C-alpha atoms as a PDB file:
ATOM      1  CA  MET A   1     -22.595   4.455   5.794  1.00  0.00           C
ATOM      2  CA  GLY A   2     -22.205   1.615   8.302  1.00  0.00           C
ATOM      3  CA  THR A   3     -22.358   1.641  12.050  1.00  0.00           C
ATOM      4  CA  SER A   4     -19.772  -0.852  13.318  1.00  0.00           C
ATOM      5  CA  ALA A   5     -16.995  -0.895  10.774  1.00  0.00           C
ATOM      6  CA  GLY A   6     -14.560  -2.190  13.363  1.00  0.00           C
ATOM      7  CA  ASN A   7     -16.464  -5.488  13.499  1.00  0.00           C
ATOM      8  CA  THR A   8     -15.807  -7.280  10.234  1.00  0.00           C
ATOM      9  CA  GLY A   9     -16.694 -10.736  11.561  1.00  0.00           C
ATOM     10  CA  GLY A  10     -14.736 -13.928  12.160  1.00  0.00           C
ATOM     11  CA  LYS A  11     -12.279 -15.809  10.018  1.00  0.00           C
ATOM     12  CA  GLY A  12     -12.433 -18.875   7.811  1.00  0.00           C
ATOM     13  CA  GLY A  13     -15.352 -20.902   6.469  1.00  0.00           C
ATOM     14  CA  GLY A  14     -18.593 -18.953   6.199  1.00  0.00           C
ATOM     15  CA  TRP A  15     -16.932 -15.685   7.167  1.00  0.00           C
ATOM     16  CA  THR A  16     -14.543 -15.953   4.235  1.00  0.00           C
ATOM     17  CA  ARG A  17     -17.458 -16.502   1.843  1.00  0.00           C
ATOM     18  CA  TYR A  18     -19.341 -13.614   3.438  1.00  0.00           C
ATOM     19  CA  LYS A  19     -16.421 -11.238   2.979  1.00  0.00           C
ATOM     20  CA  ARG A  20     -15.990 -12.349  -0.633  1.00  0.00           C
ATOM     21  CA  SER A  21     -19.639 -11.714  -1.424  1.00  0.00           C
ATOM     22  CA  ALA A  22     -19.430  -8.386   0.446  1.00  0.00           C
ATOM     23  CA  TYR A  23     -16.520  -7.397  -1.788  1.00  0.00           C
ATOM     24  CA  ASN A  24     -18.437  -8.349  -4.941  1.00  0.00           C
ATOM     25  CA  PHE A  25     -21.427  -6.261  -3.918  1.00  0.00           C
ATOM     26  CA  ALA A  26     -19.326  -3.257  -2.945  1.00  0.00           C
ATOM     27  CA  ARG A  27     -17.418  -3.420  -6.220  1.00  0.00           C
ATOM     28  CA  TYR A  28     -20.230  -4.177  -8.676  1.00  0.00           C
ATOM     29  CA  GLY A  29     -23.554  -3.552  -6.902  1.00  0.00           C
ATOM     30  CA  GLY A  30     -26.914  -4.947  -8.010  1.00  0.00           C
ATOM     31  CA  GLU A  31     -29.813  -6.600  -6.212  1.00  0.00           C
ATOM     32  CA  GLU A  32     -28.530 -10.154  -6.702  1.00  0.00           C
ATOM     33  CA  ARG A  33     -25.115  -9.310  -5.263  1.00  0.00           C
ATOM     34  CA  ALA A  34     -26.781  -7.505  -2.364  1.00  0.00           C
ATOM     35  CA  ALA A  35     -28.803 -10.669  -1.685  1.00  0.00           C
ATOM     36  CA  LYS A  36     -25.704 -12.850  -1.838  1.00  0.00           C
ATOM     37  CA  ALA A  37     -23.773 -10.543   0.475  1.00  0.00           C
ATOM     38  CA  LEU A  38     -26.567 -10.671   3.056  1.00  0.00           C
ATOM     39  CA  ALA A  39     -26.899 -14.431   2.537  1.00  0.00           C
ATOM     40  CA  GLY A  40     -23.201 -14.697   3.272  1.00  0.00           C
ATOM     41  CA  PHE A  41     -23.802 -13.050   6.637  1.00  0.00           C
ATOM     42  CA  VAL A  42     -26.611 -15.491   7.423  1.00  0.00           C
ATOM     43  CA  GLY A  43     -24.403 -18.423   6.469  1.00  0.00           C
ATOM     44  CA  ALA A  44     -21.529 -17.134   8.570  1.00  0.00           C
ATOM     45  CA  MET A  45     -23.888 -16.886  11.552  1.00  0.00           C
ATOM     46  CA  GLY A  46     -24.859 -20.555  11.138  1.00  0.00           C
ATOM     47  CA  GLY A  47     -28.135 -20.208   9.240  1.00  0.00           C
ATOM     48  CA  ALA A  48     -31.407 -18.343   9.563  1.00  0.00           C
ATOM     49  CA  ALA A  49     -32.427 -19.747  12.950  1.00  0.00           C
ATOM     50  CA  ALA A  50     -29.021 -19.069  14.479  1.00  0.00           C
ATOM     51  CA  ALA A  51     -28.897 -15.567  12.987  1.00  0.00           C
ATOM     52  CA  GLY A  52     -32.331 -14.845  14.431  1.00  0.00           C
ATOM     53  CA  ALA A  53     -31.413 -16.215  17.856  1.00  0.00           C
ATOM     54  CA  ALA A  54     -28.216 -14.148  17.967  1.00  0.00           C
ATOM     55  CA  ALA A  55     -30.307 -11.031  17.392  1.00  0.00           C
ATOM     56  CA  ALA A  56     -31.983 -11.434  20.800  1.00  0.00           C
ATOM     57  CA  PRO A  57     -31.124  -7.848  21.872  1.00  0.00           C
ATOM     58  CA  GLY A  58     -32.824  -6.583  18.720  1.00  0.00           C
ATOM     59  CA  THR A  59     -35.914  -8.688  19.358  1.00  0.00           C
ATOM     60  CA  GLN A  60     -36.044  -7.515  22.960  1.00  0.00           C
ATOM     61  CA  ALA A  61     -35.676  -3.859  21.946  1.00  0.00           C
ATOM     62  CA  GLY A  62     -38.494  -4.256  19.431  1.00  0.00           C
ATOM     63  CA  GLN A  63     -41.016  -5.114  22.145  1.00  0.00           C
ATOM     64  CA  PRO A  64     -41.002  -1.833  24.125  1.00  0.00           C
ATOM     65  CA  LEU A  65     -40.666   0.049  20.857  1.00  0.00           C
ATOM     66  CA  GLY A  66     -43.800  -1.677  19.548  1.00  0.00           C
ATOM     67  CA  GLU A  67     -45.623  -0.990  22.815  1.00  0.00           C
ATOM     68  CA  PHE A  68     -44.643   2.689  22.673  1.00  0.00           C
ATOM     69  CA  LEU A  69     -45.790   3.020  19.069  1.00  0.00           C
ATOM     70  CA  ALA A  70     -49.093   1.213  19.628  1.00  0.00           C
ATOM     71  CA  ALA A  71     -49.867   3.388  22.669  1.00  0.00           C
ATOM     72  CA  SER A  72     -49.203   6.579  20.703  1.00  0.00           C
ATOM     73  CA  THR A  73     -52.437   6.293  18.721  1.00  0.00           C
ATOM     74  CA  GLY A  74     -54.695   7.915  21.299  1.00  0.00           C
ATOM     75  CA  PRO A  75     -55.516  11.572  21.970  1.00  0.00           C
ATOM     76  CA  GLU A  76     -52.322  11.980  24.011  1.00  0.00           C
ATOM     77  CA  GLY A  77     -50.157  10.953  21.051  1.00  0.00           C
ATOM     78  CA  LEU A  78     -46.494  10.274  21.777  1.00  0.00           C
ATOM     79  CA  ALA A  79     -46.965  11.568  25.320  1.00  0.00           C
ATOM     80  CA  GLY A  80     -49.423   8.726  25.882  1.00  0.00           C
ATOM     81  CA  GLY A  81     -46.866   6.323  24.473  1.00  0.00           C
ATOM     82  CA  LEU A  82     -44.306   7.506  26.997  1.00  0.00           C
ATOM     83  CA  GLU A  83     -46.774   7.035  29.836  1.00  0.00           C
ATOM     84  CA  ALA A  84     -47.562   3.515  28.617  1.00  0.00           C
ATOM     85  CA  VAL A  85     -43.923   2.400  28.801  1.00  0.00           C
ATOM     86  CA  GLY A  86     -43.310   4.003  32.197  1.00  0.00           C
ATOM     87  CA  LEU A  87     -41.447   7.037  30.888  1.00  0.00           C
ATOM     88  CA  GLY A  88     -44.052   9.695  31.532  1.00  0.00           C
ATOM     89  CA  HIS A  89     -41.455  11.840  33.294  1.00  0.00           C
ATOM     90  CA  LEU A  90     -40.004  12.617  29.868  1.00  0.00           C
ATOM     91  CA  VAL A  91     -43.097  14.545  28.782  1.00  0.00           C
ATOM     92  CA  GLY A  92     -42.083  18.201  28.621  1.00  0.00           C
ATOM     93  CA  GLN A  93     -38.361  17.445  28.420  1.00  0.00           C
ATOM     94  CA  ASP A  94     -36.272  18.695  25.490  1.00  0.00           C
ATOM     95  CA  ARG A  95     -36.053  16.548  22.362  1.00  0.00           C
ATOM     96  CA  ALA A  96     -32.436  15.458  22.930  1.00  0.00           C
ATOM     97  CA  THR A  97     -33.226  14.208  26.430  1.00  0.00           C
ATOM     98  CA  VAL A  98     -36.347  12.324  25.328  1.00  0.00           C
ATOM     99  CA  LEU A  99     -34.504  10.717  22.408  1.00  0.00           C
ATOM    100  CA  ALA A 100     -31.468   9.694  24.478  1.00  0.00           C
ATOM    101  CA  GLU A 101     -33.509   8.179  27.301  1.00  0.00           C
ATOM    102  CA  LEU A 102     -35.849   6.323  24.954  1.00  0.00           C
ATOM    103  CA  VAL A 103     -32.959   4.837  22.983  1.00  0.00           C
ATOM    104  CA  THR A 104     -31.282   3.599  26.159  1.00  0.00           C
ATOM    105  CA  ALA A 105     -34.537   2.350  27.702  1.00  0.00           C
ATOM    106  CA  PHE A 106     -35.442   0.346  24.591  1.00  0.00           C
ATOM    107  CA  GLY A 107     -32.073  -0.499  23.056  1.00  0.00           C
ATOM    108  CA  GLY A 108     -29.786  -0.757  26.076  1.00  0.00           C
ATOM    109  CA  ALA A 109     -26.384   0.842  26.483  1.00  0.00           C
ATOM    110  CA  GLY A 110     -24.711  -0.776  23.473  1.00  0.00           C
ATOM    111  CA  ALA A 111     -22.615  -3.058  25.650  1.00  0.00           C
ATOM    112  CA  ASP A 112     -21.908  -5.471  22.792  1.00  0.00           C
ATOM    113  CA  LEU A 113     -22.213  -5.489  19.001  1.00  0.00           C
ATOM    114  CA  GLU A 114     -25.689  -7.028  18.937  1.00  0.00           C
ATOM    115  CA  GLN A 115     -26.989  -4.497  21.441  1.00  0.00           C
ATOM    116  CA  GLU A 116     -25.334  -1.699  19.493  1.00  0.00           C
ATOM    117  CA  ALA A 117     -27.118  -2.832  16.319  1.00  0.00           C
ATOM    118  CA  ALA A 118     -30.450  -2.771  18.169  1.00  0.00           C
ATOM    119  CA  ARG A 119     -29.749   0.571  19.813  1.00  0.00           C
ATOM    120  CA  LEU A 120     -28.918   2.241  16.510  1.00  0.00           C
ATOM    121  CA  ALA A 121     -32.016   0.772  14.848  1.00  0.00           C
ATOM    122  CA  VAL A 122     -34.164   2.206  17.654  1.00  0.00           C
ATOM    123  CA  LEU A 123     -32.429   5.548  17.205  1.00  0.00           C
ATOM    124  CA  ASP A 124     -33.183   5.581  13.471  1.00  0.00           C
ATOM    125  CA  VAL A 125     -36.905   5.103  14.096  1.00  0.00           C
ATOM    126  CA  LEU A 126     -37.327   7.483  17.020  1.00  0.00           C
ATOM    127  CA  ASP A 127     -35.308  10.241  15.395  1.00  0.00           C
ATOM    128  CA  GLU A 128     -37.856  10.217  12.567  1.00  0.00           C
ATOM    129  CA  LEU A 129     -40.856  10.164  14.918  1.00  0.00           C
ATOM    130  CA  LEU A 130     -40.058  12.821  17.487  1.00  0.00           C
ATOM    131  CA  PRO A 131     -40.998  16.346  16.400  1.00  0.00           C
ATOM    132  CA  GLN A 132     -38.032  18.501  15.450  1.00  0.00           C
ATOM    133  CA  GLY A 133     -39.307  21.736  16.937  1.00  0.00           C
ATOM    134  CA  GLU A 134     -39.039  22.149  20.703  1.00  0.00           C
ATOM    135  CA  ASP A 135     -42.335  24.057  20.606  1.00  0.00           C
ATOM    136  CA  VAL A 136     -44.241  21.101  19.116  1.00  0.00           C
ATOM    137  CA  PRO A 137     -45.926  19.158  21.954  1.00  0.00           C
ATOM    138  CA  LEU A 138     -45.646  15.375  21.920  1.00  0.00           C
ATOM    139  CA  GLU A 139     -49.412  15.178  22.353  1.00  0.00           C
ATOM    140  CA  SER A 140     -49.842  16.615  18.865  1.00  0.00           C
ATOM    141  CA  VAL A 141     -48.095  13.640  17.221  1.00  0.00           C
ATOM    142  CA  GLN A 142     -50.701  10.890  17.025  1.00  0.00           C
ATOM    143  CA  LEU A 143     -49.842   7.734  15.118  1.00  0.00           C
ATOM    144  CA  ASP A 144     -52.187   5.581  13.083  1.00  0.00           C
ATOM    145  CA  GLU A 145     -51.826   1.916  12.152  1.00  0.00           C
ATOM    146  CA  ALA A 146     -50.026   2.709   8.892  1.00  0.00           C
ATOM    147  CA  ALA A 147     -47.443   4.872  10.678  1.00  0.00           C
ATOM    148  CA  ILE A 148     -46.816   2.179  13.301  1.00  0.00           C
ATOM    149  CA  THR A 149     -46.398  -0.495  10.644  1.00  0.00           C
ATOM    150  CA  GLU A 150     -43.973   1.685   8.729  1.00  0.00           C
ATOM    151  CA  SER A 151     -41.934   2.420  11.850  1.00  0.00           C
ATOM    152  CA  LEU A 152     -41.669  -1.284  12.653  1.00  0.00           C
ATOM    153  CA  ARG A 153     -40.603  -2.045   9.091  1.00  0.00           C
ATOM    154  CA  GLN A 154     -37.912   0.590   9.386  1.00  0.00           C
ATOM    155  CA  TYR A 155     -36.781  -0.827  12.714  1.00  0.00           C
ATOM    156  CA  VAL A 156     -36.397  -4.416  11.522  1.00  0.00           C
ATOM    157  CA  ALA A 157     -34.762  -3.282   8.277  1.00  0.00           C
ATOM    158  CA  ALA A 158     -32.291  -1.137  10.204  1.00  0.00           C
ATOM    159  CA  LEU A 159     -31.546  -4.051  12.525  1.00  0.00           C
ATOM    160  CA  VAL A 160     -30.826  -6.406   9.604  1.00  0.00           C
ATOM    161  CA  TYR A 161     -28.669  -3.723   7.982  1.00  0.00           C
ATOM    162  CA  ASN A 162     -26.730  -2.868  11.150  1.00  0.00           C
ATOM    163  CA  ARG A 163     -25.874  -6.509  11.807  1.00  0.00           C
ATOM    164  CA  ALA A 164     -24.621  -7.223   8.287  1.00  0.00           C
ATOM    165  CA  ILE A 165     -22.957  -3.966   7.279  1.00  0.00           C
ATOM    166  CA  PRO A 166     -19.480  -4.122   8.919  1.00  0.00           C
ATOM    167  CA  ALA A 167     -17.772  -6.387   6.376  1.00  0.00           C
ATOM    168  CA  ILE A 168     -19.591  -4.696   3.499  1.00  0.00           C
ATOM    169  CA  ASP A 169     -18.727  -1.254   4.829  1.00  0.00           C
ATOM    170  CA  ALA A 170     -15.050  -2.129   4.959  1.00  0.00           C
ATOM    171  CA  HIS A 171     -15.125  -2.740   1.214  1.00  0.00           C
ATOM    172  CA  LEU A 172     -17.223   0.353   0.525  1.00  0.00           C
ATOM    173  CA  GLU A 173     -14.574   2.477   2.221  1.00  0.00           C
ATOM    174  CA  ARG A 174     -11.908   0.981  -0.026  1.00  0.00           C
ATOM    175  CA  LEU A 175     -13.754   2.202  -3.114  1.00  0.00           C
ATOM    176  CA  GLN A 176     -12.415   5.692  -2.310  1.00  0.00           C
ATOM    177  CA  ASN A 177     -15.446   7.018  -4.145  1.00  0.00           C
ATOM    178  CA  GLN A 178     -17.955   8.573  -1.757  1.00  0.00           C
ATOM    179  CA  THR A 179     -20.705   8.905  -4.349  1.00  0.00           C
ATOM    180  CA  LEU A 180     -20.451   5.263  -5.401  1.00  0.00           C
ATOM    181  CA  ALA A 181     -20.227   4.081  -1.798  1.00  0.00           C
ATOM    182  CA  GLN A 182     -23.376   6.005  -0.927  1.00  0.00           C
ATOM    183  CA  ARG A 183     -25.153   4.508  -3.936  1.00  0.00           C
ATOM    184  CA  ARG A 184     -24.216   0.972  -2.865  1.00  0.00           C
ATOM    185  CA  ASP A 185     -25.324   1.722   0.682  1.00  0.00           C
ATOM    186  CA  ARG A 186     -28.706   2.940  -0.587  1.00  0.00           C
ATOM    187  CA  GLU A 187     -29.084  -0.168  -2.771  1.00  0.00           C
ATOM    188  CA  LEU A 188     -28.480  -2.385   0.256  1.00  0.00           C
ATOM    189  CA  ARG A 189     -30.898  -0.496   2.501  1.00  0.00           C
ATOM    190  CA  ASP A 190     -33.610  -0.501  -0.152  1.00  0.00           C
ATOM    191  CA  TYR A 191     -33.212  -4.223  -0.786  1.00  0.00           C
ATOM    192  CA  ILE A 192     -33.451  -5.040   2.934  1.00  0.00           C
ATOM    193  CA  TYR A 193     -36.486  -2.790   3.384  1.00  0.00           C
ATOM    194  CA  GLU A 194     -38.368  -4.542   0.579  1.00  0.00           C
ATOM    195  CA  LEU A 195     -37.587  -7.934   2.103  1.00  0.00           C
ATOM    196  CA  VAL A 196     -38.929  -6.788   5.466  1.00  0.00           C
ATOM    197  CA  ARG A 197     -42.013  -5.203   3.910  1.00  0.00           C
ATOM    198  CA  HIS A 198     -42.829  -8.462   2.147  1.00  0.00           C
ATOM    199  CA  GLU A 199     -42.274 -10.658   5.196  1.00  0.00           C
ATOM    200  CA  MET A 200     -44.219  -8.445   7.599  1.00  0.00           C
ATOM    201  CA  GLY A 201     -47.345  -8.998   5.533  1.00  0.00           C
ATOM    202  CA  SER A 202     -50.678  -7.687   6.739  1.00  0.00           C
ATOM    203  CA  VAL A 203     -50.518  -8.431  10.476  1.00  0.00           C
ATOM    204  CA  SER A 204     -51.779  -5.406  12.401  1.00  0.00           C
ATOM    205  CA  PRO A 205     -49.304  -4.198  15.063  1.00  0.00           C
ATOM    206  CA  LEU A 206     -52.303  -2.937  17.039  1.00  0.00           C
ATOM    207  CA  THR A 207     -53.422  -6.504  17.720  1.00  0.00           C
ATOM    208  CA  VAL A 208     -50.063  -7.628  19.158  1.00  0.00           C
ATOM    209  CA  ASP A 209     -49.513  -8.045  22.905  1.00  0.00           C
ATOM    210  CA  TRP A 210     -46.189  -6.237  22.928  1.00  0.00           C
ATOM    211  CA  LYS A 211     -45.436  -6.936  26.581  1.00  0.00           C
ATOM    212  CA  GLY A 212     -45.836 -10.682  26.226  1.00  0.00           C
ATOM    213  CA  GLN A 213     -44.555 -13.542  24.116  1.00  0.00           C
ATOM    214  CA  PRO A 214     -46.574 -12.443  21.050  1.00  0.00           C
ATOM    215  CA  GLY A 215     -44.548  -9.210  20.892  1.00  0.00           C
ATOM    216  CA  HIS A 216     -41.303 -11.159  21.040  1.00  0.00           C
ATOM    217  CA  ASP A 217     -42.533 -13.624  18.430  1.00  0.00           C
ATOM    218  CA  PHE A 218     -43.696 -10.848  16.102  1.00  0.00           C
ATOM    219  CA  VAL A 219     -40.240  -9.270  15.842  1.00  0.00           C
ATOM    220  CA  GLU A 220     -38.277 -12.528  15.874  1.00  0.00           C
ATOM    221  CA  GLY A 221     -40.612 -14.102  13.322  1.00  0.00           C
ATOM    222  CA  ILE A 222     -40.019 -11.317  10.811  1.00  0.00           C
ATOM    223  CA  LEU A 223     -36.261 -11.445  11.363  1.00  0.00           C
ATOM    224  CA  VAL A 224     -36.059 -15.204  10.871  1.00  0.00           C
ATOM    225  CA  ALA A 225     -38.355 -15.060   7.823  1.00  0.00           C
ATOM    226  CA  VAL A 226     -36.074 -12.463   6.225  1.00  0.00           C
ATOM    227  CA  TYR A 227     -33.001 -14.558   6.996  1.00  0.00           C
ATOM    228  CA  GLU A 228     -34.691 -17.669   5.582  1.00  0.00           C
ATOM    229  CA  GLN A 229     -35.366 -15.818   2.341  1.00  0.00           C
ATOM    230  CA  LEU A 230     -31.718 -14.759   2.173  1.00  0.00           C
ATOM    231  CA  GLU A 231     -30.498 -18.257   2.973  1.00  0.00           C
ATOM    232  CA  GLY A 232     -31.779 -19.347  -0.419  1.00  0.00           C
ATOM    233  CA  TRP A 233     -29.071 -17.240  -2.092  1.00  0.00           C
ATOM    234  CA  GLU A 234     -26.261 -19.164  -0.428  1.00  0.00           C
END
């Protein structure tokens, strides 16, 4: 289920409320309890703005990811995306090598928990995008605007999930019921995805300057908007 179960947060105050709401969701499920569990995380982080600011590694990782995706719309497909982000030497390499180098280039080495959350979110998206067969050339995978938008939704949703899951995951493991734990995990992921989908709206990722401040603001703006929505459940 989760990605950083060893990090269950701090102690006292907001963290205590977060862990209580995480327990309630793990035990009973439901959209409202999922919202309150995520709201507990936002509160423990000091509010929506603070939660968004703390996710700086995730925002930073979203920029080269967005640039790569946007540049993969041309006739060269994903190979053109690699060239655009300065990783053209990966064209022709095996899938595992391309995936590993992209994840590190975009998401960092996972030196801390925030960077790990970003790295794993990048991995989720790229693992879906890269062709499975070694005989499928990267040039043959050409993205359109809808595919880019969907990939960015998945990235932000995975980032929100990865940051909030540790305390929730600890309670899911205590259920000692793998089927129920997986159901709760799916409920949480689905709820987060719908929040992100709503907050992303209709802005075209093809119009964003991913290398500059607009790229940073695009990712951070969605994150903060999601956290502001959750804050209302506190």
